[in-house]
Amino acid sequence: MRFAFTDNQIAFRDAVRDLLANECPPEVVRAAWPDGTDDHGARKGEGARADTARVAKVWSDLADMGVLGIAVDEDRGGLGLAELDWVLLAEETGYAALPHPFVETACVVAPLLSAVGDPHGVLDELVDGRRRAGVVPLTSSLVAWGDDVTYLVDLEHHPAAGEEWVARRITGGVAMGDDSEHRRHLADAMDAGRHMVALGAWEAGDGLGSAGDAERAFDRGALGVAAQLVGLGRRMLDLTVEYVAERRQFGTPVGAQQAVKHHLAEVAMQLRFAAPAVYGAAWSMATGAPTAGRDVSMAKALASDAARLAVRQTLQCHGAIGYTVEYDLHLYLKRAEALSRAWGDAAWHRRRVAVALGI
């Protein structure tokens, strides 16, 4: 049995990695942050910013490469590939902190609509990049990139009430705007590049597919975010290794200190534990394994823990400069903190694993 990605999967990942390295450097990520000050007078988007046109160009470039339709059936204009084919791409979008709803659009909503027959006729626009989709998972009232989303899906599950998974399009009566919900979800709102928007009163349309379709859509979202967290952890570790090799104290690189080495070795170890779990969950989903939901939750819990450890340890190794908004590290720190809680935090997914194991 071969436990490795194929040459084609690696080549596709490398092509996306090169594109994002060229078109989505830190100054493009920061350009997606709102300019000016927040309600408290803080300038969270300070630092080198690219022209905002470059932010939109990254999305159109991914569409041109076919990435946005990777999980859409071929007869509907996509590439018809499975989770094992796009999990590495999701990881690379995390490494780059892509300022667009890649997981929501390409990994969740597009394949869901492809599976249920595209009832609203928007699939072509999602695949070619003219539309961006959003998802409100697990009764959340916050929408990532809410000011840029034109197709919104609600994914809910209420096991205590005996309800199955349900996916519905949010149709009418949608009031989007700032409210106290932002302040109650600081971890989500701290990454201003995700443009979190709170929903007011809203109405839902008919269900999209069966309960199985809805659960699979949720698992795709959790898997995609888990892969992004692994990529973010890698990026924070790479930035920190480079920094501690250059930063000198008393004539010696700070990276030569044993305590610094231990911090970074711990991060590397946790990421190496999390990544195979993410890839294994992708395999489970791609092959229709009965344990797919459990495996996705295990992967999301491990990836969230590893990314949050990377946040703490890389910030510690950087010292005071890591707290400054002008320094690139904070772009990845804040994205990791936000995504570790998105699509269910580690505790939520551990409970799901426990239920699946009957404990």
Protein backbone atom coordinates (compact mmCIF):
# COMPACT_ATOMS: atom_id res chain seq x y z
CA MET A 1 0.00 0.00 0.00
CA ARG A 2 1.32 3.43 -0.94
CA PHE A 3 0.96 6.13 1.73
CA ALA A 4 2.00 9.11 -0.36
CA PHE A 5 0.57 11.71 -2.69
CA THR A 6 0.82 11.08 -6.41
CA ASP A 7 3.19 12.96 -8.69
CA ASN A 8 0.24 14.84 -10.20
CA GLN A 9 -1.02 15.93 -6.78
CA ILE A 10 2.44 17.16 -5.82
CA ALA A 11 2.85 18.97 -9.15
CA PHE A 12 -0.50 20.74 -8.74
CA ARG A 13 0.45 21.76 -5.21
CA ASP A 14 3.78 23.11 -6.42
CA ALA A 15 2.08 25.14 -9.14
CA VAL A 16 -0.31 26.70 -6.60
CA ARG A 17 2.56 27.26 -4.18
CA ASP A 18 4.53 29.15 -6.83
CA LEU A 19 1.51 31.23 -7.80
CA LEU A 20 0.80 32.23 -4.20
CA ALA A 21 4.47 32.96 -3.49
CA ASN A 22 4.51 35.40 -6.41
CA GLU A 23 1.01 36.87 -6.18
CA CYS A 24 0.18 36.68 -2.47
CA PRO A 25 3.18 37.93 -0.45
CA PRO A 26 2.55 39.56 2.96
CA GLU A 27 1.93 43.00 1.47
CA VAL A 28 -1.02 41.58 -0.49
CA VAL A 29 -2.43 39.90 2.63
CA ARG A 30 -2.13 43.20 4.50
CA ALA A 31 -3.79 45.09 1.65
CA ALA A 32 -6.96 43.13 2.41
CA TRP A 33 -7.05 44.67 5.88
CA PRO A 34 -9.15 47.83 6.24
CA ASP A 35 -7.08 51.00 6.25
CA GLY A 36 -7.24 53.52 9.07
CA THR A 37 -8.05 52.92 12.74
CA ASP A 38 -10.53 50.69 14.53
CA ASP A 39 -13.04 51.71 17.22
CA HIS A 40 -10.25 51.91 19.79
CA GLY A 41 -7.89 53.97 17.66
CA ALA A 42 -5.57 51.09 16.83
CA ARG A 43 -4.10 50.93 13.34
CA LYS A 44 -4.23 47.18 12.79
CA GLY A 45 -3.36 47.26 9.11
CA GLU A 46 -0.09 49.12 9.43
CA GLY A 47 2.88 48.02 7.33
CA ALA A 48 3.77 47.54 3.68
CA ARG A 49 0.57 47.28 1.65
CA ALA A 50 0.19 46.33 -1.99
CA ASP A 51 -2.28 47.90 -4.39
CA THR A 52 -5.74 46.50 -3.60
CA ALA A 53 -6.08 45.38 -7.21
CA ARG A 54 -3.52 42.69 -6.45
CA VAL A 55 -5.84 41.21 -3.83
CA ALA A 56 -8.52 40.59 -6.46
CA LYS A 57 -5.92 39.34 -8.95
CA VAL A 58 -4.94 36.42 -6.70
CA TRP A 59 -8.52 35.13 -6.81
CA SER A 60 -8.82 35.47 -10.56
CA ASP A 61 -5.45 33.74 -11.03
CA LEU A 62 -6.64 30.78 -8.95
CA ALA A 63 -9.80 30.64 -11.06
CA ASP A 64 -7.76 30.68 -14.26
CA MET A 65 -5.71 27.76 -12.96
CA GLY A 66 -8.89 25.79 -12.30
CA VAL A 67 -8.37 25.70 -8.55
CA LEU A 68 -11.80 27.09 -7.67
CA GLY A 69 -13.50 24.26 -9.52
CA ILE A 70 -11.25 21.47 -8.30
CA ALA A 71 -14.06 19.69 -6.41
CA VAL A 72 -16.79 20.35 -8.99
CA ASP A 73 -17.87 17.59 -11.35
CA GLU A 74 -16.30 17.73 -14.81
CA ASP A 75 -19.68 17.88 -16.54
CA ARG A 76 -20.34 21.11 -14.61
CA GLY A 77 -17.08 22.78 -15.60
CA GLY A 78 -14.84 21.63 -12.79
CA LEU A 79 -11.89 19.27 -12.45
CA GLY A 80 -13.86 16.54 -10.69
CA LEU A 81 -11.19 15.83 -8.09
CA ALA A 82 -11.59 14.60 -4.51
CA GLU A 83 -10.49 15.79 -1.08
CA LEU A 84 -7.15 14.04 -1.36
CA ASP A 85 -6.44 16.15 -4.45
CA TRP A 86 -7.22 19.55 -2.89
CA VAL A 87 -6.06 19.13 0.71
CA LEU A 88 -2.50 20.15 -0.24
CA LEU A 89 -3.84 23.20 -2.08
CA ALA A 90 -5.78 24.24 1.01
CA GLU A 91 -2.59 23.90 3.03
CA GLU A 92 -0.81 26.25 0.65
CA THR A 93 -3.60 28.84 0.90
CA GLY A 94 -3.03 28.70 4.66
CA TYR A 95 0.72 29.11 4.27
CA ALA A 96 0.07 32.25 2.21
CA ALA A 97 -2.82 33.45 4.46
CA LEU A 98 -4.85 33.88 1.28
CA PRO A 99 -7.25 36.81 1.85
CA HIS A 100 -10.20 35.11 0.15
CA PRO A 101 -12.86 32.51 1.09
CA PHE A 102 -11.12 29.58 -0.60
CA VAL A 103 -12.43 26.87 1.72
CA GLU A 104 -15.98 28.22 1.73
CA THR A 105 -16.14 28.64 -2.04
CA ALA A 106 -14.02 25.89 -3.57
CA CYS A 107 -14.15 23.20 -0.88
CA VAL A 108 -17.67 23.54 0.51
CA VAL A 109 -20.27 25.43 -1.49
CA ALA A 110 -19.14 24.65 -5.05
CA PRO A 111 -19.01 20.85 -4.56
CA LEU A 112 -22.27 20.95 -2.57
CA LEU A 113 -24.06 22.74 -5.40
CA SER A 114 -22.46 20.41 -7.92
CA ALA A 115 -23.82 17.42 -5.99
CA VAL A 116 -27.37 18.78 -5.69
CA GLY A 117 -27.75 20.04 -9.26
CA ASP A 118 -26.94 23.74 -8.88
CA PRO A 119 -30.53 24.77 -8.12
CA HIS A 120 -29.80 28.50 -8.18
CA GLY A 121 -27.60 28.58 -11.28
CA VAL A 122 -24.53 30.12 -9.65
CA LEU A 123 -21.99 27.31 -9.99
CA ASP A 124 -20.37 28.64 -13.15
CA GLU A 125 -19.77 31.99 -11.47
CA LEU A 126 -18.19 30.32 -8.42
CA VAL A 127 -15.86 28.27 -10.60
CA ASP A 128 -14.71 31.19 -12.75
CA GLY A 129 -14.25 33.51 -9.78
CA ARG A 130 -17.06 35.98 -10.45
CA ARG A 131 -18.78 35.00 -7.20
CA ARG A 132 -17.50 34.18 -3.74
CA ALA A 133 -19.45 31.98 -1.35
CA GLY A 134 -19.75 32.13 2.40
CA VAL A 135 -20.81 29.60 5.01
CA VAL A 136 -22.34 30.07 8.46
CA PRO A 137 -21.45 26.82 10.27
CA LEU A 138 -22.73 25.51 13.60
CA THR A 139 -25.25 28.28 14.37
CA SER A 140 -22.61 31.01 14.17
CA SER A 141 -23.84 34.48 13.26
CA LEU A 142 -20.54 35.62 11.74
CA VAL A 143 -19.66 35.47 8.06
CA ALA A 144 -16.04 35.54 6.97
CA TRP A 145 -15.43 37.91 4.05
CA GLY A 146 -19.06 38.88 4.55
CA ASP A 147 -18.79 42.09 2.55
CA ASP A 148 -17.61 40.14 -0.49
CA VAL A 149 -19.91 37.11 -0.35
CA THR A 150 -22.84 36.91 -2.77
CA TYR A 151 -24.00 33.35 -2.04
CA LEU A 152 -24.41 32.29 1.57
CA VAL A 153 -25.09 28.84 3.02
CA ASP A 154 -26.12 27.88 6.55
CA LEU A 155 -24.85 24.53 7.92
CA GLU A 156 -26.42 23.37 11.17
CA HIS A 157 -26.56 20.31 13.40
CA HIS A 158 -28.48 19.97 16.64
CA PRO A 159 -27.81 16.46 17.96
CA ALA A 160 -29.38 17.20 21.36
CA ALA A 161 -32.68 17.89 19.60
CA GLY A 162 -32.36 14.80 17.43
CA GLU A 163 -31.92 16.86 14.27
CA GLU A 164 -29.73 15.78 11.40
CA TRP A 165 -27.33 17.96 9.48
CA VAL A 166 -29.02 20.51 7.26
CA ALA A 167 -27.68 22.86 4.56
CA ARG A 168 -29.79 25.82 3.48
CA ARG A 169 -29.22 28.89 1.41
CA ILE A 170 -29.66 32.12 3.32
CA THR A 171 -32.04 34.00 1.06
CA GLY A 172 -33.94 36.99 2.38
CA GLY A 173 -34.16 39.31 5.32
CA VAL A 174 -30.38 39.38 5.65
CA ALA A 175 -29.10 42.34 7.63
CA MET A 176 -25.34 42.48 7.66
CA GLY A 177 -23.46 44.91 9.83
CA ASP A 178 -21.36 45.45 12.93
CA ASP A 179 -22.90 44.65 16.28
CA SER A 180 -21.94 43.33 19.69
CA GLU A 181 -21.42 39.86 18.24
CA HIS A 182 -18.00 41.01 17.05
CA ARG A 183 -16.97 41.88 20.57
CA ARG A 184 -18.09 38.50 21.86
CA HIS A 185 -15.94 36.74 19.26
CA LEU A 186 -12.63 38.55 19.54
CA ALA A 187 -10.67 35.61 18.19
CA ASP A 188 -12.72 35.69 15.00
CA ALA A 189 -12.67 39.46 14.64
CA MET A 190 -8.97 39.96 15.40
CA ASP A 191 -8.02 38.99 11.83
CA ALA A 192 -9.41 42.04 10.07
CA GLY A 193 -8.30 40.59 6.74
CA ARG A 194 -11.19 38.09 6.95
CA HIS A 195 -13.74 40.96 7.04
CA MET A 196 -16.00 39.34 9.62
CA VAL A 197 -19.60 40.53 9.30
CA ALA A 198 -22.38 39.77 11.78
CA LEU A 199 -25.76 38.61 10.55
CA GLY A 200 -28.93 40.19 11.78
CA ALA A 201 -32.34 38.63 11.13
CA TRP A 202 -32.31 36.26 8.16
CA GLU A 203 -34.43 33.71 6.34
CA ALA A 204 -33.45 30.36 4.90
CA GLY A 205 -34.51 28.84 1.63
CA ASP A 206 -35.12 25.17 0.90
CA GLY A 207 -32.60 22.61 2.02
CA LEU A 208 -29.65 21.87 -0.26
CA GLY A 209 -29.53 18.12 -0.68
CA SER A 210 -29.83 15.47 1.99
CA ALA A 211 -28.53 15.34 5.55
CA GLY A 212 -25.60 13.35 4.20
CA ASP A 213 -24.80 16.09 1.68
CA ALA A 214 -24.89 18.67 4.47
CA GLU A 215 -22.65 16.65 6.78
CA ARG A 216 -20.16 16.06 3.98
CA ALA A 217 -20.14 19.79 3.25
CA PHE A 218 -19.36 20.51 6.88
CA ASP A 219 -16.59 17.92 6.93
CA ARG A 220 -15.06 19.45 3.81
CA GLY A 221 -15.04 22.84 5.50
CA ALA A 222 -13.47 21.53 8.71
CA LEU A 223 -10.90 19.58 6.69
CA GLY A 224 -10.01 22.59 4.55
CA VAL A 225 -9.53 24.82 7.59
CA ALA A 226 -7.45 22.12 9.30
CA ALA A 227 -5.18 22.02 6.26
CA GLN A 228 -4.91 25.81 6.29
CA LEU A 229 -3.90 25.69 9.96
CA VAL A 230 -1.09 23.29 9.13
CA GLY A 231 0.07 25.68 6.42
CA LEU A 232 -0.10 28.64 8.80
CA GLY A 233 1.92 26.72 11.37
CA ARG A 234 4.58 25.98 8.76
CA ARG A 235 4.71 29.65 7.75
CA MET A 236 5.09 30.90 11.33
CA LEU A 237 7.80 28.32 11.97
CA ASP A 238 9.70 29.25 8.79
CA LEU A 239 9.55 32.97 9.63
CA THR A 240 10.79 32.32 13.16
CA VAL A 241 13.64 30.00 12.18
CA GLU A 242 14.84 32.67 9.76
CA TYR A 243 14.52 35.37 12.42
CA VAL A 244 16.36 33.55 15.22
CA ALA A 245 19.18 32.66 12.83
CA GLU A 246 19.70 36.36 12.03
CA ARG A 247 18.90 38.04 15.38
CA ARG A 248 22.01 38.25 17.53
CA GLN A 249 22.52 38.90 21.22
CA PHE A 250 25.97 39.18 22.79
CA GLY A 251 27.44 38.31 19.41
CA THR A 252 25.54 35.01 19.08
CA PRO A 253 22.36 34.18 17.12
CA VAL A 254 19.47 33.77 19.54
CA GLY A 255 18.63 30.56 17.74
CA ALA A 256 21.74 29.01 19.27
CA GLN A 257 20.09 29.12 22.69
CA GLN A 258 18.75 25.77 23.80
CA ALA A 259 15.45 27.22 25.04
CA VAL A 260 14.74 28.71 21.62
CA LYS A 261 15.60 25.44 19.91
CA HIS A 262 13.24 23.55 22.22
CA HIS A 263 10.36 25.96 21.54
CA LEU A 264 10.69 25.57 17.79
CA ALA A 265 11.32 21.82 17.92
CA GLU A 266 8.07 21.43 19.86
CA VAL A 267 6.19 23.36 17.18
CA ALA A 268 7.75 21.27 14.41
CA MET A 269 6.83 18.06 16.23
CA GLN A 270 3.20 19.07 16.74
CA LEU A 271 2.85 20.06 13.08
CA ARG A 272 4.30 16.70 12.04
CA PHE A 273 1.67 14.96 14.12
CA ALA A 274 -1.16 17.12 12.79
CA ALA A 275 -0.32 16.99 9.08
CA PRO A 276 -0.68 13.19 8.66
CA ALA A 277 -4.00 13.33 10.52
CA VAL A 278 -5.22 15.96 8.04
CA TYR A 279 -4.03 13.92 5.07
CA GLY A 280 -5.57 10.78 6.55
CA ALA A 281 -8.90 12.54 6.97
CA ALA A 282 -8.73 13.62 3.33
CA TRP A 283 -8.18 9.99 2.35
CA SER A 284 -11.15 8.90 4.47
CA MET A 285 -13.40 11.43 2.78
CA ALA A 286 -12.14 10.67 -0.72
CA THR A 287 -12.71 6.94 -0.26
CA GLY A 288 -16.04 7.26 1.54
CA ALA A 289 -14.77 5.63 4.72
CA PRO A 290 -17.45 5.26 7.44
CA THR A 291 -15.09 6.96 9.90
CA ALA A 292 -14.68 10.09 7.76
CA GLY A 293 -16.48 12.46 10.14
CA ARG A 294 -14.52 11.19 13.13
CA ASP A 295 -11.23 11.44 11.21
CA VAL A 296 -11.97 15.01 10.11
CA SER A 297 -12.71 16.05 13.68
CA MET A 298 -9.52 14.44 14.94
CA ALA A 299 -7.57 16.30 12.26
CA LYS A 300 -9.21 19.64 13.04
CA ALA A 301 -8.54 19.27 16.77
CA LEU A 302 -4.87 18.38 16.23
CA ALA A 303 -4.35 21.11 13.64
CA SER A 304 -5.96 23.73 15.89
CA ASP A 305 -3.75 22.72 18.81
CA ALA A 306 -0.61 22.70 16.68
CA ALA A 307 -1.34 26.11 15.14
CA ARG A 308 -2.10 27.70 18.50
CA LEU A 309 1.13 26.27 19.90
CA ALA A 310 2.94 27.77 16.91
CA VAL A 311 1.34 31.13 17.70
CA ARG A 312 2.57 31.08 21.29
CA GLN A 313 6.06 29.77 20.66
CA THR A 314 6.92 31.81 17.58
CA LEU A 315 5.70 34.98 19.28
CA GLN A 316 7.84 34.12 22.30
CA CYS A 317 10.90 33.58 20.12
CA HIS A 318 10.39 36.89 18.31
CA GLY A 319 9.98 38.89 21.47
CA ALA A 320 8.61 42.41 21.34
CA ILE A 321 8.86 42.78 17.56
CA GLY A 322 6.33 39.96 17.17
CA TYR A 323 3.65 42.14 18.78
CA THR A 324 4.00 44.96 16.27
CA VAL A 325 1.40 45.18 13.53
CA GLU A 326 3.99 46.30 11.01
CA TYR A 327 5.80 42.97 11.31
CA ASP A 328 4.59 40.24 8.95
CA LEU A 329 4.33 37.55 11.64
CA HIS A 330 1.16 39.06 13.08
CA LEU A 331 -0.73 38.41 9.83
CA TYR A 332 -0.27 34.68 10.31
CA LEU A 333 -0.65 34.70 14.09
CA LYS A 334 -4.07 36.28 13.88
CA ARG A 335 -5.27 34.13 11.00
CA ALA A 336 -4.25 31.03 12.96
CA GLU A 337 -6.02 32.18 16.12
CA ALA A 338 -9.19 32.88 14.14
CA LEU A 339 -9.19 29.62 12.17
CA SER A 340 -8.44 27.50 15.22
CA ARG A 341 -11.94 28.42 16.41
CA ALA A 342 -13.66 28.44 13.03
CA TRP A 343 -15.75 25.40 11.99
CA GLY A 344 -15.70 24.14 15.57
CA ASP A 345 -12.82 24.58 17.99
CA ALA A 346 -10.65 21.73 19.28
CA ALA A 347 -13.00 21.01 22.19
CA TRP A 348 -16.04 20.75 19.88
CA HIS A 349 -14.26 18.30 17.61
CA ARG A 350 -12.94 16.21 20.50
CA ARG A 351 -16.51 15.83 21.71
CA ARG A 352 -17.51 14.70 18.24
CA VAL A 353 -14.72 12.11 18.24
CA ALA A 354 -15.83 10.91 21.67
CA VAL A 355 -19.41 10.48 20.47
CA ALA A 356 -18.20 8.57 17.41
CA LEU A 357 -16.19 6.24 19.68
CA GLY A 358 -19.08 5.83 22.09
CA ILE A 359 -17.31 7.32 25.09
